[in-house]
Amino acid sequence: MTTANTTGTTLLTEGVRAEATIDLAALRGNLAALRERTHGPELMAVVKADAYGHGAVSCAREAVAAGTRWLGTATPEEALALRAAGIGADQARVLCWLWTPGGPWAEAVRAGIDISVSGRWAMDELLAAVRETGIQARVHLKADTGLGRNGCQPRDWPDLVAAARAAEAEGLVQVVGLWSHFAAADEPGHPSIRLQLDGFAEALAVAERAGLRPEVRHLANSPATLLLPESYYDLVRPGLAMYGLSPVPEVGGPADFGLRPVMALTARLALVKHVPGGHGVSYGHHYTTSGETTLGLVPVGYADGIPRHASGSGPVQVGGKWYTVAGRVAMDQFVIDLGGDTAGVGDEVRLFGNGEHGEPTAEDWGRACGTISYEIVTRIGTRVPRRYLGASW
């Protein structure tokens, strides 16, 4: 059962402490907007980190229902979970790129997972799994073009390419992808952007000379998808943008790119009480009431993903008005000072949403905490149930 409050927003499901509402219609709209913007390359829906906190299986299903043929995950466990949920290789390719020695290579090969390889050690472990299973593996070779994280360094790239080509000639693997990742695509004009574009072009040339003919070449993450058409190649990999948040807030907000935030986080007041002036609030008494006032208790804390850095700064909306976290965020709760305003136990507290009803956004929380919106949405924990709206599957 749901009802509406005076701001026009939807209240929590009756009886729940807190809830993250996931608007799958907004997700579909974002995917459509990104396709329209890119005009041609395929789109990989990145659903790593539980779809940036939005729920990997539900968001992946929605993306596939909307015509997306590629899904992106970081860990093999994330990739295998999608297959276990019934998303078959006939519905979508699933790429997994963060491997460690001894990983579930054979399980991934059996599940038809596309596997990213950044070094010879990974190629050797993958080939052992191929021989064990008797199943040809689909491989994406990743080049480090300047990010300095995962990926093969330019001096080692020819050797990795040669090993992959030899394995392909034996029928052990199919090299279906060549790819890399930007370091600073969210900073227009950053000198590394041109260097990485050139570095990727050279990596592709090395692979082509060795005889590799990949199905897809891909470089563009969310900021590049929005700002760098020259990086599109055959496939773009939007992550944050898919969920309606801007990876380049200094350039434009979600609406400027035709996007709409997908997640709204709401709780309800667990206690409202009147206290005198000079009353300390929460651990360490870093906030003290300036006079007689009303305090409201919000029953979520850092165990639910509310940043402790939001102490004294995190914005919320109650009854159409903004308030700020008073004192420290605790493990399970935080306090707001309602001043002379009237509120009651059970009233809705909108922590963030799409902003269309004047509520804070994840970007507002990022600024308040000195971080980015990516961290705000991905850290919302499992104690907070997700409620999905507008599913098409």
Protein backbone atom coordinates (compact mmCIF):
# COMPACT_ATOMS: atom_id res chain seq x y z
CA MET A 1 0.00 0.00 0.00
CA THR A 2 1.30 3.46 -0.90
CA THR A 3 -0.05 6.96 -0.52
CA ALA A 4 1.11 10.42 -1.58
CA ASN A 5 2.29 13.32 0.56
CA THR A 6 1.88 17.04 0.04
CA THR A 7 4.89 17.30 -2.29
CA GLY A 8 3.42 14.77 -4.71
CA THR A 9 6.01 12.10 -4.03
CA THR A 10 5.16 8.50 -3.25
CA LEU A 11 5.40 7.40 0.33
CA LEU A 12 7.17 4.28 1.46
CA THR A 13 5.55 0.91 1.32
CA GLU A 14 3.49 0.68 4.48
CA GLY A 15 5.37 -0.67 7.48
CA VAL A 16 8.91 -0.42 6.13
CA ARG A 17 11.69 1.51 7.85
CA ALA A 18 13.43 2.65 4.68
CA GLU A 19 13.28 1.82 1.01
CA ALA A 20 15.12 2.47 -2.23
CA THR A 21 12.65 2.88 -5.07
CA ILE A 22 14.04 1.93 -8.48
CA ASP A 23 12.24 3.46 -11.46
CA LEU A 24 12.81 1.01 -14.30
CA ALA A 25 10.86 3.20 -16.72
CA ALA A 26 13.50 5.88 -16.10
CA LEU A 27 16.19 3.27 -16.74
CA ARG A 28 14.64 2.42 -20.10
CA GLY A 29 14.42 6.10 -20.94
CA ASN A 30 18.08 6.61 -20.10
CA LEU A 31 19.14 3.72 -22.32
CA ALA A 32 17.06 5.16 -25.15
CA ALA A 33 18.59 8.60 -24.65
CA LEU A 34 22.10 7.16 -24.73
CA ARG A 35 21.36 5.21 -27.90
CA GLU A 36 20.00 8.33 -29.55
CA ARG A 37 23.08 10.28 -28.50
CA THR A 38 25.60 7.76 -29.82
CA HIS A 39 23.94 6.98 -33.18
CA GLY A 40 25.33 3.62 -34.14
CA PRO A 41 27.61 1.78 -31.73
CA GLU A 42 26.14 -0.96 -29.59
CA LEU A 43 25.56 -0.27 -25.92
CA MET A 44 26.86 -2.29 -22.98
CA ALA A 45 24.77 -1.84 -19.84
CA VAL A 46 27.27 -1.88 -16.98
CA VAL A 47 25.65 -3.63 -14.01
CA LYS A 48 28.70 -4.15 -11.79
CA ALA A 49 28.49 -3.41 -8.06
CA ASP A 50 24.87 -4.61 -7.97
CA ALA A 51 24.06 -2.21 -10.80
CA TYR A 52 25.57 0.70 -8.89
CA GLY A 53 23.34 -0.22 -5.97
CA HIS A 54 20.17 -0.42 -8.03
CA GLY A 55 19.96 -4.24 -8.21
CA ALA A 56 21.93 -6.06 -10.88
CA VAL A 57 19.47 -8.76 -11.88
CA SER A 58 16.45 -6.47 -12.17
CA CYS A 59 18.36 -3.77 -14.03
CA ALA A 60 20.00 -6.30 -16.33
CA ARG A 61 16.63 -7.83 -17.16
CA GLU A 62 15.24 -4.39 -17.92
CA ALA A 63 18.21 -3.54 -20.12
CA VAL A 64 17.86 -6.80 -22.04
CA ALA A 65 14.11 -6.26 -22.42
CA ALA A 66 14.94 -2.83 -23.87
CA GLY A 67 17.11 -4.43 -26.54
CA THR A 68 20.57 -4.29 -24.93
CA ARG A 69 22.80 -7.15 -26.13
CA TRP A 70 25.76 -6.57 -23.81
CA LEU A 71 26.09 -6.49 -20.04
CA GLY A 72 29.21 -5.47 -18.13
CA THR A 73 30.37 -6.79 -14.76
CA ALA A 74 33.55 -6.43 -12.73
CA THR A 75 33.85 -9.72 -10.86
CA PRO A 76 33.21 -13.24 -12.13
CA GLU A 77 30.75 -13.75 -9.28
CA GLU A 78 28.66 -10.87 -10.63
CA ALA A 79 28.71 -12.34 -14.12
CA LEU A 80 27.81 -15.85 -12.97
CA ALA A 81 24.93 -14.47 -10.87
CA LEU A 82 23.36 -13.01 -14.00
CA ARG A 83 23.52 -16.35 -15.75
CA ALA A 84 22.14 -18.10 -12.64
CA ALA A 85 19.23 -15.64 -12.70
CA GLY A 86 18.30 -16.89 -16.15
CA ILE A 87 19.93 -14.32 -18.43
CA GLY A 88 21.26 -16.69 -21.06
CA ALA A 89 23.98 -16.25 -23.64
CA ASP A 90 21.24 -16.17 -26.30
CA GLN A 91 19.85 -13.03 -24.61
CA ALA A 92 22.99 -11.05 -23.79
CA ARG A 93 26.75 -11.31 -23.78
CA VAL A 94 28.17 -10.75 -20.28
CA LEU A 95 31.68 -9.36 -20.01
CA CYS A 96 33.69 -9.82 -16.80
CA TRP A 97 36.97 -7.92 -16.39
CA LEU A 98 38.34 -8.18 -12.85
CA TRP A 99 40.11 -11.52 -12.42
CA THR A 100 42.58 -12.82 -9.85
CA PRO A 101 44.66 -16.01 -9.89
CA GLY A 102 42.64 -19.13 -9.13
CA GLY A 103 39.36 -17.52 -10.16
CA PRO A 104 36.37 -19.48 -11.47
CA TRP A 105 37.65 -19.61 -15.03
CA ALA A 106 36.08 -22.97 -15.89
CA GLU A 107 32.69 -21.97 -14.48
CA ALA A 108 32.78 -18.77 -16.52
CA VAL A 109 33.70 -20.60 -19.71
CA ARG A 110 30.86 -23.08 -19.16
CA ALA A 111 28.44 -20.20 -18.56
CA GLY A 112 29.42 -18.47 -21.79
CA ILE A 113 30.90 -15.43 -20.04
CA ASP A 114 33.08 -13.10 -22.10
CA ILE A 115 36.41 -12.89 -20.27
CA SER A 116 38.75 -9.92 -20.21
CA VAL A 117 42.48 -10.71 -20.25
CA SER A 118 45.12 -8.15 -19.29
CA GLY A 119 48.27 -10.29 -19.02
CA ARG A 120 49.89 -13.58 -19.88
CA TRP A 121 49.18 -15.10 -16.45
CA ALA A 122 45.45 -14.63 -17.06
CA MET A 123 45.70 -16.07 -20.56
CA ASP A 124 47.51 -19.13 -19.18
CA GLU A 125 44.84 -19.73 -16.50
CA LEU A 126 42.06 -19.24 -19.03
CA LEU A 127 43.63 -21.70 -21.48
CA ALA A 128 43.89 -24.29 -18.71
CA ALA A 129 40.14 -23.87 -18.13
CA VAL A 130 39.45 -24.18 -21.85
CA ARG A 131 41.36 -27.45 -22.00
CA GLU A 132 39.55 -28.67 -18.89
CA THR A 133 36.10 -27.88 -20.23
CA GLY A 134 36.65 -28.45 -23.92
CA ILE A 135 34.76 -25.21 -24.59
CA GLN A 136 36.17 -22.35 -26.65
CA ALA A 137 36.38 -19.10 -24.62
CA ARG A 138 35.32 -15.64 -25.75
CA VAL A 139 38.10 -13.20 -24.91
CA HIS A 140 38.48 -9.42 -24.75
CA LEU A 141 42.07 -8.20 -24.56
CA LYS A 142 42.45 -5.07 -22.44
CA ALA A 143 45.19 -2.52 -23.12
CA ASP A 144 46.43 -0.08 -20.51
CA THR A 145 46.47 3.13 -22.53
CA GLY A 146 47.27 5.35 -19.57
CA LEU A 147 44.88 4.68 -16.70
CA GLY A 148 47.50 2.62 -14.89
CA ARG A 149 45.05 0.13 -13.39
CA ASN A 150 44.02 -3.08 -15.11
CA GLY A 151 45.13 -3.67 -18.68
CA CYS A 152 48.30 -4.68 -20.48
CA GLN A 153 51.16 -2.18 -20.74
CA PRO A 154 52.21 -1.17 -24.29
CA ARG A 155 55.60 -2.91 -24.04
CA ASP A 156 53.86 -6.22 -23.16
CA TRP A 157 50.92 -5.80 -25.55
CA PRO A 158 52.53 -7.41 -28.65
CA ASP A 159 53.36 -10.54 -26.64
CA LEU A 160 49.82 -10.82 -25.23
CA VAL A 161 48.34 -10.26 -28.68
CA ALA A 162 50.59 -12.93 -30.17
CA ALA A 163 49.63 -15.43 -27.47
CA ALA A 164 45.94 -14.71 -28.04
CA ARG A 165 46.33 -15.09 -31.79
CA ALA A 166 48.10 -18.42 -31.35
CA ALA A 167 45.36 -19.67 -29.03
CA GLU A 168 42.76 -18.50 -31.52
CA ALA A 169 44.53 -20.38 -34.31
CA GLU A 170 44.32 -23.53 -32.17
CA GLY A 171 40.59 -23.00 -31.72
CA LEU A 172 40.94 -22.49 -27.97
CA VAL A 173 39.67 -18.92 -27.84
CA GLN A 174 37.85 -16.40 -29.98
CA VAL A 175 39.16 -12.88 -29.52
CA VAL A 176 35.89 -10.99 -29.74
CA GLY A 177 36.95 -7.71 -28.15
CA LEU A 178 39.79 -5.21 -27.76
CA TRP A 179 39.32 -2.51 -25.19
CA SER A 180 40.66 0.03 -22.73
CA HIS A 181 39.39 2.55 -20.18
CA PHE A 182 39.80 6.31 -19.74
CA ALA A 183 41.48 7.97 -16.79
CA ALA A 184 39.97 11.45 -17.11
CA ALA A 185 37.17 11.51 -19.67
CA ASP A 186 35.15 13.36 -17.03
CA GLU A 187 37.57 16.30 -17.32
CA PRO A 188 37.08 17.83 -20.78
CA GLY A 189 40.38 18.92 -22.27
CA HIS A 190 42.52 16.80 -19.95
CA PRO A 191 45.76 15.97 -21.84
CA SER A 192 45.45 12.26 -21.04
CA ILE A 193 42.35 11.98 -23.22
CA ARG A 194 44.19 12.55 -26.50
CA LEU A 195 47.10 10.39 -25.35
CA GLN A 196 44.72 7.52 -24.57
CA LEU A 197 42.83 7.88 -27.84
CA ASP A 198 46.14 7.66 -29.70
CA GLY A 199 47.36 4.82 -27.49
CA PHE A 200 44.22 2.79 -28.13
CA ALA A 201 44.51 3.36 -31.88
CA GLU A 202 48.08 2.03 -31.75
CA ALA A 203 47.01 -0.99 -29.67
CA LEU A 204 44.35 -1.76 -32.26
CA ALA A 205 46.91 -1.46 -35.05
CA VAL A 206 49.24 -3.92 -33.30
CA ALA A 207 46.36 -6.41 -32.94
CA GLU A 208 45.32 -5.98 -36.55
CA ARG A 209 48.85 -6.58 -37.81
CA ALA A 210 48.91 -9.79 -35.76
CA GLY A 211 45.76 -10.97 -37.51
CA LEU A 212 43.12 -10.33 -34.83
CA ARG A 213 39.71 -9.31 -36.14
CA PRO A 214 37.55 -8.55 -33.08
CA GLU A 215 33.80 -8.26 -33.12
CA VAL A 216 33.89 -5.11 -30.94
CA ARG A 217 36.42 -2.44 -30.03
CA HIS A 218 35.40 -0.40 -27.02
CA LEU A 219 36.79 2.51 -25.03
CA ALA A 220 33.96 4.87 -24.05
CA ASN A 221 32.75 4.90 -20.44
CA SER A 222 29.87 7.13 -19.25
CA PRO A 223 31.62 10.52 -19.55
CA ALA A 224 33.10 9.58 -22.93
CA THR A 225 29.70 8.38 -24.12
CA LEU A 226 28.31 11.82 -23.30
CA LEU A 227 31.22 13.97 -24.45
CA LEU A 228 33.62 12.12 -26.80
CA PRO A 229 32.05 10.74 -30.00
CA GLU A 230 35.53 9.96 -31.38
CA SER A 231 35.85 7.29 -28.66
CA TYR A 232 32.74 5.32 -29.58
CA TYR A 233 34.17 2.64 -31.89
CA ASP A 234 31.81 -0.39 -31.97
CA LEU A 235 30.50 -0.37 -28.40
CA VAL A 236 30.03 2.15 -25.58
CA ARG A 237 29.91 1.19 -21.90
CA PRO A 238 27.67 3.58 -19.92
CA GLY A 239 27.58 2.89 -16.20
CA LEU A 240 26.52 5.83 -14.05
CA ALA A 241 24.73 7.55 -16.94
CA MET A 242 22.50 4.53 -17.41
CA TYR A 243 21.18 5.15 -13.89
CA GLY A 244 20.36 8.76 -14.68
CA LEU A 245 23.23 10.48 -12.88
CA SER A 246 25.70 12.80 -14.54
CA PRO A 247 29.35 11.67 -14.53
CA VAL A 248 30.29 15.24 -15.50
CA PRO A 249 28.27 17.47 -13.14
CA GLU A 250 30.53 20.43 -13.89
CA VAL A 251 29.45 20.19 -17.53
CA GLY A 252 25.77 19.39 -17.04
CA GLY A 253 23.23 17.68 -14.85
CA PRO A 254 21.15 14.64 -15.82
CA ALA A 255 18.46 16.66 -17.59
CA ASP A 256 21.05 18.34 -19.80
CA PHE A 257 21.83 14.92 -21.26
CA GLY A 258 18.24 13.67 -21.39
CA LEU A 259 18.72 11.47 -18.33
CA ARG A 260 16.57 10.90 -15.26
CA PRO A 261 17.80 9.52 -11.89
CA VAL A 262 16.54 6.00 -11.32
CA MET A 263 16.91 5.60 -7.53
CA ALA A 264 15.06 7.38 -4.74
CA LEU A 265 15.96 6.70 -1.11
CA THR A 266 13.27 7.26 1.49
CA ALA A 267 12.81 6.54 5.20
CA ARG A 268 10.23 7.43 7.79
CA LEU A 269 10.68 9.26 11.06
CA ALA A 270 11.03 6.77 13.90
CA LEU A 271 10.74 9.35 16.70
CA VAL A 272 9.87 13.02 17.09
CA LYS A 273 10.61 14.75 20.39
CA HIS A 274 10.95 18.20 21.92
CA VAL A 275 14.20 19.08 23.64
CA PRO A 276 15.50 22.19 25.42
CA GLY A 277 18.22 24.51 24.20
CA GLY A 278 21.77 23.37 24.84
CA HIS A 279 20.87 19.71 24.31
CA GLY A 280 23.62 17.58 22.71
CA VAL A 281 22.73 15.49 19.70
CA SER A 282 24.34 12.15 18.76
CA TYR A 283 27.83 10.88 19.50
CA GLY A 284 30.37 13.41 20.69
CA HIS A 285 27.81 16.22 20.89
CA HIS A 286 29.20 17.82 17.75
CA TYR A 287 25.78 19.44 17.43
CA THR A 288 24.03 21.21 20.28
CA THR A 289 20.58 22.74 19.99
CA SER A 290 20.62 26.52 19.96
CA GLY A 291 17.25 26.73 21.67
CA GLU A 292 14.14 24.74 22.40
CA THR A 293 13.43 22.66 19.32
CA THR A 294 12.05 19.46 17.83
CA LEU A 295 14.28 16.59 16.79
CA GLY A 296 13.38 13.91 14.28
CA LEU A 297 15.04 10.48 14.26
CA VAL A 298 15.77 8.99 10.83
CA PRO A 299 16.32 5.22 11.18
CA VAL A 300 19.15 4.72 8.69
CA GLY A 301 22.88 5.06 9.26
CA TYR A 302 26.25 4.11 7.93
CA ALA A 303 25.38 0.39 8.12
CA ASP A 304 22.74 1.21 5.51
CA GLY A 305 25.20 3.16 3.38
CA ILE A 306 24.60 6.68 4.69
CA PRO A 307 28.09 8.23 4.67
CA ARG A 308 29.45 9.15 8.09
CA HIS A 309 30.95 12.11 6.23
CA ALA A 310 27.36 13.37 5.94
CA SER A 311 27.48 14.25 9.65
CA GLY A 312 26.39 17.86 9.93
CA SER A 313 25.91 18.26 6.17
CA GLY A 314 23.67 15.61 4.57
CA PRO A 315 20.42 17.07 3.18
CA VAL A 316 16.95 15.54 3.55
CA GLN A 317 13.42 16.64 2.78
CA VAL A 318 10.48 16.35 5.17
CA GLY A 319 7.09 17.80 4.28
CA GLY A 320 8.54 19.66 1.32
CA LYS A 321 11.29 21.39 3.33
CA TRP A 322 15.02 20.67 3.47
CA TYR A 323 16.84 19.89 6.71
CA THR A 324 20.43 18.89 7.44
CA VAL A 325 21.81 15.98 9.44
CA ALA A 326 22.33 17.25 12.99
CA GLY A 327 25.45 15.80 14.60
CA ARG A 328 27.07 12.53 13.70
CA VAL A 329 25.58 9.84 11.51
CA ALA A 330 25.51 6.67 13.64
CA MET A 331 25.47 3.05 12.52
CA ASP A 332 21.69 2.75 12.34
CA GLN A 333 20.28 6.28 12.60
CA PHE A 334 20.78 10.01 12.43
CA VAL A 335 18.95 13.07 13.71
CA ILE A 336 17.55 16.17 12.05
CA ASP A 337 16.65 19.39 13.81
CA LEU A 338 13.13 20.34 12.72
CA GLY A 339 13.23 23.68 14.53
CA GLY A 340 9.72 24.94 15.03
CA ASP A 341 8.25 22.87 12.22
CA THR A 342 5.60 20.24 12.80
CA ALA A 343 6.28 16.60 11.97
CA GLY A 344 5.07 13.29 13.26
CA VAL A 345 6.31 9.78 13.74
CA GLY A 346 5.99 7.92 10.44
CA ASP A 347 6.35 10.98 8.24
CA GLU A 348 8.35 10.46 5.08
CA VAL A 349 11.96 11.53 4.90
CA ARG A 350 13.23 11.83 1.34
CA LEU A 351 17.00 11.49 1.41
CA PHE A 352 17.47 11.73 -2.34
CA GLY A 353 15.56 11.23 -5.53
CA ASN A 354 15.28 12.69 -9.00
CA GLY A 355 14.77 16.22 -7.66
CA GLU A 356 11.51 16.73 -9.51
CA HIS A 357 9.65 17.44 -6.26
CA GLY A 358 12.36 19.58 -4.76
CA GLU A 359 14.04 16.77 -2.86
CA PRO A 360 17.85 16.42 -2.66
CA THR A 361 19.60 14.35 -5.30
CA ALA A 362 22.47 11.90 -5.07
CA GLU A 363 24.65 14.67 -6.50
CA ASP A 364 23.60 16.94 -3.61
CA TRP A 365 24.68 14.22 -1.18
CA GLY A 366 27.96 13.79 -3.01
CA ARG A 367 28.73 17.49 -2.68
CA ALA A 368 27.71 17.50 0.98
CA CYS A 369 30.07 14.59 1.71
CA GLY A 370 32.97 15.67 -0.46
CA THR A 371 32.55 12.68 -2.78
CA ILE A 372 30.80 11.71 -6.02
CA SER A 373 27.29 10.49 -6.75
CA TYR A 374 28.72 7.08 -7.77
CA GLU A 375 29.66 6.43 -4.15
CA ILE A 376 26.32 7.60 -2.77
CA VAL A 377 24.17 5.16 -4.74
CA THR A 378 26.55 2.18 -4.76
CA ARG A 379 26.97 2.14 -0.98
CA ILE A 380 23.25 1.79 -0.14
CA GLY A 381 23.30 -1.51 1.73
CA THR A 382 21.31 -4.70 1.74
CA ARG A 383 19.32 -3.70 4.85
CA VAL A 384 17.50 -1.25 2.59
CA PRO A 385 14.98 -3.14 0.43
CA ARG A 386 14.62 -2.19 -3.24
CA ARG A 387 11.15 -1.66 -4.70
CA TYR A 388 10.95 -1.80 -8.49
CA LEU A 389 8.49 0.28 -10.46
CA GLY A 390 7.59 0.04 -14.13
CA ALA A 391 9.24 -3.27 -15.01
CA SER A 392 8.68 -4.45 -18.59
CA TRP A 393 9.75 -8.07 -17.99
